[in-house]
N, C-alpha and C. Protein backbone atom coordinates (compact mmCIF):
# COMPACT_ATOMS: atom_id res chain seq x y z
N MET A 1 0.84 -1.18 0.00
CA MET A 1 0.00 0.00 0.00
C MET A 1 0.89 1.24 0.00
N THR A 2 0.46 2.26 -0.71
CA THR A 2 1.17 3.52 -0.78
C THR A 2 1.10 4.23 0.56
N VAL A 3 2.23 4.77 1.01
CA VAL A 3 2.25 5.55 2.24
C VAL A 3 1.90 6.99 1.89
N LEU A 4 0.93 7.55 2.59
CA LEU A 4 0.42 8.89 2.30
C LEU A 4 0.61 9.80 3.50
N ARG A 5 0.73 11.08 3.24
CA ARG A 5 0.63 12.11 4.27
C ARG A 5 0.21 13.38 3.55
N GLY A 6 -0.97 13.88 3.90
CA GLY A 6 -1.45 15.07 3.22
C GLY A 6 -2.61 15.72 3.95
N ARG A 7 -2.95 16.87 3.45
CA ARG A 7 -4.01 17.69 4.01
C ARG A 7 -5.35 17.28 3.42
N ALA A 8 -6.35 17.11 4.25
CA ALA A 8 -7.70 16.74 3.79
C ALA A 8 -8.35 17.94 3.11
N ARG A 9 -8.94 17.65 1.93
CA ARG A 9 -9.71 18.65 1.18
C ARG A 9 -11.10 18.08 0.98
N LEU A 10 -12.08 18.60 1.71
CA LEU A 10 -13.43 18.06 1.71
C LEU A 10 -14.23 18.54 0.49
N VAL A 11 -14.98 17.59 -0.10
CA VAL A 11 -15.79 17.93 -1.26
C VAL A 11 -17.24 17.48 -1.19
N GLY A 12 -17.65 16.66 -0.23
CA GLY A 12 -19.06 16.34 -0.06
C GLY A 12 -19.54 15.08 -0.77
N ASP A 13 -20.87 14.93 -0.83
CA ASP A 13 -21.53 13.77 -1.43
C ASP A 13 -21.84 14.02 -2.90
N ASP A 14 -21.99 12.91 -3.64
CA ASP A 14 -22.47 12.94 -5.03
C ASP A 14 -21.68 13.93 -5.91
N VAL A 15 -20.36 13.90 -5.78
CA VAL A 15 -19.52 14.77 -6.59
C VAL A 15 -19.48 14.21 -8.01
N ASN A 16 -20.03 14.97 -8.93
CA ASN A 16 -20.15 14.57 -10.33
C ASN A 16 -18.83 14.82 -11.06
N THR A 17 -18.53 13.98 -12.05
CA THR A 17 -17.29 14.19 -12.82
C THR A 17 -17.27 15.55 -13.51
N ASP A 18 -18.42 16.08 -13.89
CA ASP A 18 -18.45 17.42 -14.48
C ASP A 18 -18.19 18.51 -13.46
N SER A 19 -18.34 18.20 -12.17
CA SER A 19 -17.93 19.14 -11.13
C SER A 19 -16.42 19.09 -10.93
N ILE A 20 -15.84 17.90 -11.08
CA ILE A 20 -14.39 17.75 -10.95
C ILE A 20 -13.71 18.54 -12.06
N ILE A 21 -14.18 18.36 -13.29
CA ILE A 21 -13.72 19.16 -14.43
C ILE A 21 -14.82 19.15 -15.50
N SER A 22 -15.07 20.30 -16.05
CA SER A 22 -16.08 20.40 -17.10
C SER A 22 -15.65 19.58 -18.31
N SER A 23 -16.57 18.84 -18.88
CA SER A 23 -16.25 17.99 -20.03
C SER A 23 -15.74 18.81 -21.22
N THR A 24 -16.07 20.08 -21.29
CA THR A 24 -15.58 20.90 -22.39
C THR A 24 -14.08 21.15 -22.31
N ARG A 25 -13.51 21.04 -21.13
CA ARG A 25 -12.07 21.29 -20.97
C ARG A 25 -11.20 20.24 -21.66
N LYS A 26 -11.72 19.02 -21.82
CA LYS A 26 -10.90 17.99 -22.46
C LYS A 26 -10.69 18.27 -23.94
N ARG A 27 -11.47 19.17 -24.51
CA ARG A 27 -11.26 19.57 -25.90
C ARG A 27 -10.05 20.49 -26.03
N GLU A 28 -9.71 21.17 -24.93
CA GLU A 28 -8.59 22.12 -24.93
C GLU A 28 -7.25 21.41 -24.78
N SER A 29 -7.22 20.40 -23.90
CA SER A 29 -5.97 19.70 -23.62
C SER A 29 -6.26 18.45 -22.83
N LEU A 30 -5.38 17.47 -22.93
CA LEU A 30 -5.43 16.28 -22.07
C LEU A 30 -4.18 16.23 -21.18
N ASP A 31 -3.40 17.29 -21.21
CA ASP A 31 -2.18 17.39 -20.41
C ASP A 31 -2.56 17.64 -18.95
N PRO A 32 -2.16 16.73 -18.04
CA PRO A 32 -2.51 16.92 -16.62
C PRO A 32 -2.04 18.25 -16.05
N ALA A 33 -0.89 18.75 -16.51
CA ALA A 33 -0.38 20.02 -16.01
C ALA A 33 -1.27 21.19 -16.41
N VAL A 34 -1.97 21.07 -17.53
CA VAL A 34 -2.92 22.09 -17.97
C VAL A 34 -4.25 21.90 -17.26
N LEU A 35 -4.72 20.66 -17.22
CA LEU A 35 -6.04 20.37 -16.64
C LEU A 35 -6.12 20.72 -15.16
N ARG A 36 -5.04 20.60 -14.44
CA ARG A 36 -5.05 20.83 -12.98
C ARG A 36 -5.64 22.18 -12.60
N GLN A 37 -5.45 23.19 -13.44
CA GLN A 37 -5.95 24.54 -13.11
C GLN A 37 -7.47 24.64 -13.16
N PHE A 38 -8.12 23.61 -13.73
CA PHE A 38 -9.58 23.64 -13.86
C PHE A 38 -10.29 22.77 -12.83
N LEU A 39 -9.54 22.18 -11.89
CA LEU A 39 -10.12 21.30 -10.87
C LEU A 39 -11.17 22.04 -10.06
N PHE A 40 -12.40 21.56 -10.10
CA PHE A 40 -13.54 22.13 -9.38
C PHE A 40 -13.79 23.60 -9.70
N GLU A 41 -13.44 24.03 -10.91
CA GLU A 41 -13.56 25.46 -11.26
C GLU A 41 -14.98 26.00 -11.16
N HIS A 42 -16.00 25.15 -11.42
CA HIS A 42 -17.39 25.65 -11.37
C HIS A 42 -17.98 25.54 -9.97
N VAL A 43 -17.30 24.83 -9.08
CA VAL A 43 -17.74 24.70 -7.69
C VAL A 43 -17.09 25.78 -6.84
N ASP A 44 -15.77 25.92 -7.00
CA ASP A 44 -14.98 26.90 -6.26
C ASP A 44 -13.82 27.33 -7.16
N PRO A 45 -13.92 28.48 -7.81
CA PRO A 45 -12.89 28.90 -8.75
C PRO A 45 -11.49 29.01 -8.14
N ALA A 46 -11.38 29.16 -6.83
CA ALA A 46 -10.07 29.27 -6.17
C ALA A 46 -9.52 27.92 -5.73
N PHE A 47 -10.29 26.85 -5.87
CA PHE A 47 -9.88 25.55 -5.34
C PHE A 47 -8.56 25.07 -5.94
N ALA A 48 -8.46 25.05 -7.26
CA ALA A 48 -7.26 24.50 -7.92
C ALA A 48 -6.00 25.20 -7.46
N ALA A 49 -6.04 26.50 -7.33
CA ALA A 49 -4.85 27.25 -6.91
C ALA A 49 -4.49 26.98 -5.46
N SER A 50 -5.44 26.51 -4.66
CA SER A 50 -5.18 26.25 -3.24
C SER A 50 -4.66 24.85 -2.96
N VAL A 51 -4.67 23.98 -3.98
CA VAL A 51 -4.23 22.60 -3.79
C VAL A 51 -2.71 22.55 -3.66
N GLN A 52 -2.26 21.78 -2.68
CA GLN A 52 -0.83 21.54 -2.50
C GLN A 52 -0.54 20.10 -2.87
N PRO A 53 0.63 19.83 -3.46
CA PRO A 53 0.97 18.43 -3.76
C PRO A 53 0.86 17.56 -2.51
N GLY A 54 0.20 16.42 -2.66
CA GLY A 54 0.00 15.51 -1.52
C GLY A 54 -1.34 15.67 -0.83
N ASP A 55 -2.08 16.74 -1.15
CA ASP A 55 -3.42 16.89 -0.58
C ASP A 55 -4.24 15.64 -0.92
N ILE A 56 -5.20 15.33 -0.06
CA ILE A 56 -6.04 14.15 -0.24
C ILE A 56 -7.49 14.62 -0.32
N LEU A 57 -8.18 14.27 -1.41
CA LEU A 57 -9.60 14.60 -1.50
C LEU A 57 -10.38 13.68 -0.57
N VAL A 58 -11.31 14.26 0.17
CA VAL A 58 -12.14 13.51 1.10
C VAL A 58 -13.60 13.80 0.74
N ALA A 59 -14.32 12.74 0.40
CA ALA A 59 -15.70 12.89 -0.05
C ALA A 59 -16.63 12.04 0.81
N GLY A 60 -17.90 12.22 0.57
CA GLY A 60 -18.92 11.39 1.19
C GLY A 60 -19.23 10.21 0.29
N LYS A 61 -20.49 10.09 -0.04
CA LYS A 61 -20.91 8.94 -0.86
C LYS A 61 -20.91 9.30 -2.34
N ASN A 62 -20.74 8.28 -3.18
CA ASN A 62 -20.93 8.37 -4.62
C ASN A 62 -19.99 9.36 -5.31
N PHE A 63 -18.71 9.36 -4.91
CA PHE A 63 -17.75 10.26 -5.55
C PHE A 63 -17.51 9.83 -7.00
N GLY A 64 -17.52 10.80 -7.91
CA GLY A 64 -17.23 10.52 -9.31
C GLY A 64 -18.42 10.05 -10.12
N CYS A 65 -19.62 10.31 -9.63
CA CYS A 65 -20.82 9.91 -10.38
C CYS A 65 -20.92 10.74 -11.65
N GLY A 66 -21.82 10.38 -12.51
CA GLY A 66 -22.00 11.11 -13.76
C GLY A 66 -21.38 10.35 -14.91
N SER A 67 -20.67 11.06 -15.76
CA SER A 67 -20.10 10.43 -16.95
C SER A 67 -18.85 9.62 -16.57
N ALA A 68 -18.40 8.81 -17.49
CA ALA A 68 -17.26 7.92 -17.25
C ALA A 68 -15.95 8.50 -17.77
N MET A 69 -15.88 9.81 -17.94
CA MET A 69 -14.69 10.39 -18.55
C MET A 69 -13.45 10.28 -17.66
N GLU A 70 -12.40 9.69 -18.25
CA GLU A 70 -11.14 9.49 -17.53
C GLU A 70 -10.47 10.80 -17.17
N VAL A 71 -10.75 11.85 -17.89
CA VAL A 71 -10.11 13.13 -17.64
C VAL A 71 -10.40 13.64 -16.22
N ALA A 72 -11.47 13.18 -15.60
CA ALA A 72 -11.76 13.57 -14.22
C ALA A 72 -10.70 13.01 -13.27
N VAL A 73 -10.18 11.82 -13.57
CA VAL A 73 -9.08 11.25 -12.78
C VAL A 73 -7.77 11.94 -13.14
N THR A 74 -7.54 12.15 -14.42
CA THR A 74 -6.32 12.80 -14.89
C THR A 74 -6.14 14.17 -14.24
N THR A 75 -7.23 14.90 -14.10
CA THR A 75 -7.18 16.23 -13.49
C THR A 75 -6.78 16.17 -12.03
N VAL A 76 -7.35 15.22 -11.30
CA VAL A 76 -7.01 15.06 -9.88
C VAL A 76 -5.53 14.71 -9.73
N LEU A 77 -5.05 13.76 -10.53
CA LEU A 77 -3.64 13.39 -10.49
C LEU A 77 -2.75 14.56 -10.90
N GLY A 78 -3.16 15.31 -11.92
CA GLY A 78 -2.39 16.45 -12.37
C GLY A 78 -2.24 17.52 -11.31
N ALA A 79 -3.19 17.59 -10.39
CA ALA A 79 -3.13 18.56 -9.30
C ALA A 79 -2.19 18.10 -8.18
N GLY A 80 -1.64 16.90 -8.31
CA GLY A 80 -0.73 16.40 -7.28
C GLY A 80 -1.43 15.68 -6.15
N ILE A 81 -2.68 15.31 -6.36
CA ILE A 81 -3.47 14.59 -5.36
C ILE A 81 -3.29 13.10 -5.60
N PRO A 82 -2.70 12.35 -4.64
CA PRO A 82 -2.42 10.93 -4.86
C PRO A 82 -3.56 9.99 -4.50
N ALA A 83 -4.57 10.50 -3.76
CA ALA A 83 -5.62 9.60 -3.26
C ALA A 83 -6.92 10.37 -3.05
N VAL A 84 -8.02 9.61 -3.15
CA VAL A 84 -9.35 10.12 -2.81
C VAL A 84 -9.93 9.16 -1.80
N MET A 85 -10.38 9.69 -0.68
CA MET A 85 -11.08 8.90 0.34
C MET A 85 -12.56 9.24 0.24
N ALA A 86 -13.40 8.20 0.23
CA ALA A 86 -14.84 8.43 0.14
C ALA A 86 -15.59 7.28 0.79
N ARG A 87 -16.83 7.55 1.17
CA ARG A 87 -17.68 6.47 1.68
C ARG A 87 -18.01 5.49 0.57
N SER A 88 -18.15 6.02 -0.65
CA SER A 88 -18.37 5.17 -1.82
C SER A 88 -17.99 5.94 -3.08
N PHE A 89 -17.72 5.20 -4.14
CA PHE A 89 -17.36 5.75 -5.44
C PHE A 89 -18.33 5.22 -6.49
N SER A 90 -18.49 5.99 -7.56
CA SER A 90 -19.18 5.40 -8.71
C SER A 90 -18.25 4.31 -9.24
N ARG A 91 -18.85 3.29 -9.79
CA ARG A 91 -18.06 2.15 -10.28
C ARG A 91 -17.06 2.58 -11.35
N THR A 92 -17.48 3.42 -12.28
CA THR A 92 -16.56 3.81 -13.37
C THR A 92 -15.42 4.69 -12.86
N TYR A 93 -15.71 5.62 -11.94
CA TYR A 93 -14.64 6.46 -11.42
C TYR A 93 -13.63 5.60 -10.66
N TYR A 94 -14.11 4.67 -9.88
CA TYR A 94 -13.23 3.79 -9.10
C TYR A 94 -12.27 3.05 -10.03
N ARG A 95 -12.81 2.44 -11.10
CA ARG A 95 -11.95 1.70 -12.04
C ARG A 95 -11.02 2.64 -12.80
N ASN A 96 -11.52 3.80 -13.20
CA ASN A 96 -10.65 4.77 -13.87
C ASN A 96 -9.52 5.21 -12.94
N ALA A 97 -9.82 5.37 -11.66
CA ALA A 97 -8.78 5.75 -10.69
C ALA A 97 -7.69 4.67 -10.64
N ILE A 98 -8.08 3.43 -10.44
CA ILE A 98 -7.11 2.33 -10.41
C ILE A 98 -6.31 2.29 -11.70
N ASN A 99 -6.99 2.34 -12.83
CA ASN A 99 -6.34 2.21 -14.13
C ASN A 99 -5.37 3.34 -14.43
N ASN A 100 -5.53 4.47 -13.74
CA ASN A 100 -4.65 5.62 -13.98
C ASN A 100 -3.70 5.91 -12.82
N GLY A 101 -3.73 5.07 -11.79
CA GLY A 101 -2.77 5.22 -10.70
C GLY A 101 -3.20 6.14 -9.57
N LEU A 102 -4.49 6.46 -9.48
CA LEU A 102 -5.02 7.27 -8.38
C LEU A 102 -5.60 6.32 -7.34
N LEU A 103 -5.20 6.45 -6.10
CA LEU A 103 -5.63 5.53 -5.05
C LEU A 103 -7.03 5.89 -4.53
N PRO A 104 -8.03 5.02 -4.77
CA PRO A 104 -9.37 5.25 -4.22
C PRO A 104 -9.52 4.48 -2.91
N LEU A 105 -9.82 5.17 -1.84
CA LEU A 105 -9.94 4.54 -0.53
C LEU A 105 -11.37 4.64 -0.03
N VAL A 106 -12.00 3.50 0.18
CA VAL A 106 -13.37 3.47 0.67
C VAL A 106 -13.33 3.32 2.19
N CYS A 107 -13.86 4.32 2.89
CA CYS A 107 -13.92 4.28 4.35
C CYS A 107 -14.89 5.35 4.84
N ASP A 108 -15.16 5.34 6.14
CA ASP A 108 -16.04 6.33 6.73
C ASP A 108 -15.26 7.64 6.86
N THR A 109 -15.69 8.65 6.15
CA THR A 109 -14.99 9.93 6.14
C THR A 109 -15.70 11.01 6.98
N GLY A 110 -16.75 10.61 7.70
CA GLY A 110 -17.61 11.56 8.39
C GLY A 110 -16.94 12.43 9.43
N ALA A 111 -15.88 11.96 10.08
CA ALA A 111 -15.25 12.73 11.15
C ALA A 111 -14.07 13.58 10.67
N ILE A 112 -13.74 13.50 9.40
CA ILE A 112 -12.61 14.26 8.88
C ILE A 112 -13.04 15.69 8.59
N ARG A 113 -12.20 16.64 8.99
CA ARG A 113 -12.46 18.06 8.76
C ARG A 113 -11.51 18.62 7.71
N GLU A 114 -11.93 19.68 7.07
CA GLU A 114 -11.08 20.38 6.11
C GLU A 114 -9.75 20.73 6.77
N GLY A 115 -8.66 20.38 6.10
CA GLY A 115 -7.33 20.72 6.58
C GLY A 115 -6.70 19.71 7.52
N ASP A 116 -7.47 18.72 7.98
CA ASP A 116 -6.87 17.68 8.84
C ASP A 116 -5.68 17.05 8.11
N ILE A 117 -4.65 16.71 8.85
CA ILE A 117 -3.52 16.00 8.27
C ILE A 117 -3.79 14.51 8.42
N LEU A 118 -3.77 13.82 7.29
CA LEU A 118 -4.04 12.39 7.24
C LEU A 118 -2.75 11.69 6.84
N SER A 119 -2.43 10.62 7.54
CA SER A 119 -1.21 9.87 7.20
C SER A 119 -1.52 8.39 7.27
N SER A 120 -0.82 7.64 6.41
CA SER A 120 -1.02 6.20 6.40
C SER A 120 0.32 5.51 6.61
N ASP A 121 0.24 4.24 6.87
CA ASP A 121 1.44 3.44 6.98
C ASP A 121 1.35 2.32 5.94
N SER A 122 2.32 1.44 5.96
CA SER A 122 2.37 0.38 4.94
C SER A 122 1.22 -0.62 5.07
N THR A 123 0.50 -0.62 6.20
CA THR A 123 -0.64 -1.53 6.35
C THR A 123 -1.90 -0.97 5.69
N GLY A 124 -1.89 0.33 5.37
CA GLY A 124 -3.05 0.96 4.77
C GLY A 124 -3.92 1.69 5.76
N ALA A 125 -3.66 1.55 7.06
CA ALA A 125 -4.43 2.29 8.05
C ALA A 125 -4.14 3.78 7.89
N ILE A 126 -5.16 4.60 8.06
CA ILE A 126 -5.01 6.04 7.91
C ILE A 126 -5.31 6.71 9.24
N ARG A 127 -4.37 7.52 9.69
CA ARG A 127 -4.51 8.20 10.97
C ARG A 127 -4.80 9.67 10.73
N ASN A 128 -5.83 10.15 11.43
CA ASN A 128 -6.14 11.57 11.42
C ASN A 128 -5.31 12.18 12.55
N GLU A 129 -4.32 12.99 12.20
CA GLU A 129 -3.40 13.52 13.21
C GLU A 129 -4.07 14.50 14.16
N ARG A 130 -5.17 15.14 13.74
CA ARG A 130 -5.89 16.06 14.63
C ARG A 130 -6.64 15.29 15.71
N SER A 131 -7.42 14.31 15.29
CA SER A 131 -8.30 13.60 16.22
C SER A 131 -7.66 12.36 16.83
N GLY A 132 -6.62 11.85 16.19
CA GLY A 132 -6.01 10.60 16.65
C GLY A 132 -6.75 9.37 16.17
N GLU A 133 -7.87 9.56 15.47
CA GLU A 133 -8.66 8.44 14.97
C GLU A 133 -7.90 7.71 13.87
N THR A 134 -8.04 6.39 13.86
CA THR A 134 -7.45 5.58 12.80
C THR A 134 -8.57 4.98 11.97
N LEU A 135 -8.47 5.16 10.67
CA LEU A 135 -9.45 4.62 9.73
C LEU A 135 -8.84 3.43 9.02
N SER A 136 -9.67 2.44 8.74
CA SER A 136 -9.23 1.26 8.02
C SER A 136 -10.01 1.15 6.71
N PRO A 137 -9.44 1.66 5.63
CA PRO A 137 -10.13 1.57 4.34
C PRO A 137 -10.35 0.11 3.93
N GLU A 138 -11.36 -0.11 3.10
CA GLU A 138 -11.60 -1.45 2.57
C GLU A 138 -10.34 -1.90 1.82
N PRO A 139 -9.93 -3.14 2.03
CA PRO A 139 -8.71 -3.61 1.34
C PRO A 139 -8.94 -3.73 -0.16
N LEU A 140 -7.89 -3.46 -0.90
CA LEU A 140 -7.93 -3.60 -2.36
C LEU A 140 -7.43 -4.99 -2.73
N PRO A 141 -8.02 -5.60 -3.77
CA PRO A 141 -7.53 -6.90 -4.22
C PRO A 141 -6.07 -6.80 -4.69
N PRO A 142 -5.32 -7.88 -4.59
CA PRO A 142 -3.90 -7.85 -4.98
C PRO A 142 -3.65 -7.33 -6.39
N ILE A 143 -4.49 -7.66 -7.35
CA ILE A 143 -4.27 -7.18 -8.72
C ILE A 143 -4.41 -5.66 -8.79
N MET A 144 -5.35 -5.09 -8.05
CA MET A 144 -5.50 -3.63 -8.05
C MET A 144 -4.30 -2.97 -7.38
N LEU A 145 -3.80 -3.56 -6.31
CA LEU A 145 -2.60 -3.02 -5.66
C LEU A 145 -1.42 -3.06 -6.62
N ALA A 146 -1.29 -4.14 -7.37
CA ALA A 146 -0.20 -4.27 -8.33
C ALA A 146 -0.31 -3.21 -9.43
N ILE A 147 -1.52 -2.97 -9.91
CA ILE A 147 -1.74 -1.95 -10.94
C ILE A 147 -1.38 -0.57 -10.39
N LEU A 148 -1.79 -0.27 -9.16
CA LEU A 148 -1.46 1.02 -8.54
C LEU A 148 0.04 1.16 -8.35
N ARG A 149 0.70 0.11 -7.86
CA ARG A 149 2.17 0.17 -7.66
C ARG A 149 2.90 0.44 -8.97
N ALA A 150 2.37 -0.07 -10.06
CA ALA A 150 3.00 0.14 -11.37
C ALA A 150 2.74 1.55 -11.91
N GLY A 151 1.76 2.26 -11.35
CA GLY A 151 1.43 3.59 -11.84
C GLY A 151 0.21 3.62 -12.73
N GLY A 152 -0.50 2.50 -12.82
CA GLY A 152 -1.70 2.43 -13.65
C GLY A 152 -1.69 1.18 -14.50
N LEU A 153 -2.76 0.99 -15.23
CA LEU A 153 -2.94 -0.23 -16.02
C LEU A 153 -1.94 -0.37 -17.17
N VAL A 154 -1.72 0.70 -17.92
CA VAL A 154 -0.79 0.61 -19.05
C VAL A 154 0.63 0.29 -18.57
N PRO A 155 1.16 1.01 -17.56
CA PRO A 155 2.50 0.63 -17.08
C PRO A 155 2.53 -0.80 -16.52
N TYR A 156 1.45 -1.21 -15.87
CA TYR A 156 1.39 -2.58 -15.35
C TYR A 156 1.50 -3.60 -16.48
N MET A 157 0.73 -3.36 -17.54
CA MET A 157 0.75 -4.29 -18.68
C MET A 157 2.11 -4.28 -19.36
N ARG A 158 2.73 -3.13 -19.48
CA ARG A 158 4.06 -3.06 -20.09
C ARG A 158 5.09 -3.81 -19.24
N GLN A 159 5.03 -3.64 -17.92
CA GLN A 159 5.98 -4.29 -17.02
C GLN A 159 5.82 -5.80 -17.01
N ASN A 160 4.62 -6.26 -17.22
CA ASN A 160 4.35 -7.68 -17.15
C ASN A 160 4.34 -8.36 -18.52
N GLY A 161 4.66 -7.61 -19.55
CA GLY A 161 4.76 -8.19 -20.88
C GLY A 161 3.45 -8.65 -21.49
N ASP A 162 2.34 -8.17 -20.95
CA ASP A 162 1.03 -8.60 -21.42
C ASP A 162 0.41 -7.61 -22.40
N PHE A 163 1.09 -6.53 -22.67
CA PHE A 163 0.48 -5.47 -23.47
C PHE A 163 1.55 -4.85 -24.35
N LYS A 164 1.29 -4.79 -25.61
CA LYS A 164 2.25 -4.22 -26.55
C LYS A 164 1.55 -3.12 -27.34
N LEU A 165 2.17 -1.96 -27.40
CA LEU A 165 1.63 -0.85 -28.21
C LEU A 165 2.33 -0.80 -29.54
């Protein structure tokens, strides 16, 4: 499991992929360094500029609902966010996250506050440094962990000789 330490950035329930980034932005660029500036632009225009590398998105239920566009994951990664913690994810966002190397963590996020420092260890347990509470996200299957360790599905397939471009 990836070891994390970052500031919690709360986003709420039912966060739609079009809230993460407007679908019209993917026509302009697919470069994560460009897309990062548009993260949550229609929800909070100042959000993208306030993100620090290592910040962790913390959501309620149904994070990433809406369309299945991968650019919603690319934008989060481009902003330097390595993980999203949520009570639940839409199925397509969850798979897109794994396939692109973004760590989706399913756990109870109700006690986390904006700005809390969250840290994990190699077991995957996440400690809220403000409250002292330890969260235990649902374990990921070994194949998903391997894909994440490789940096996503394409690097995993290249490393394992199962995929040729």
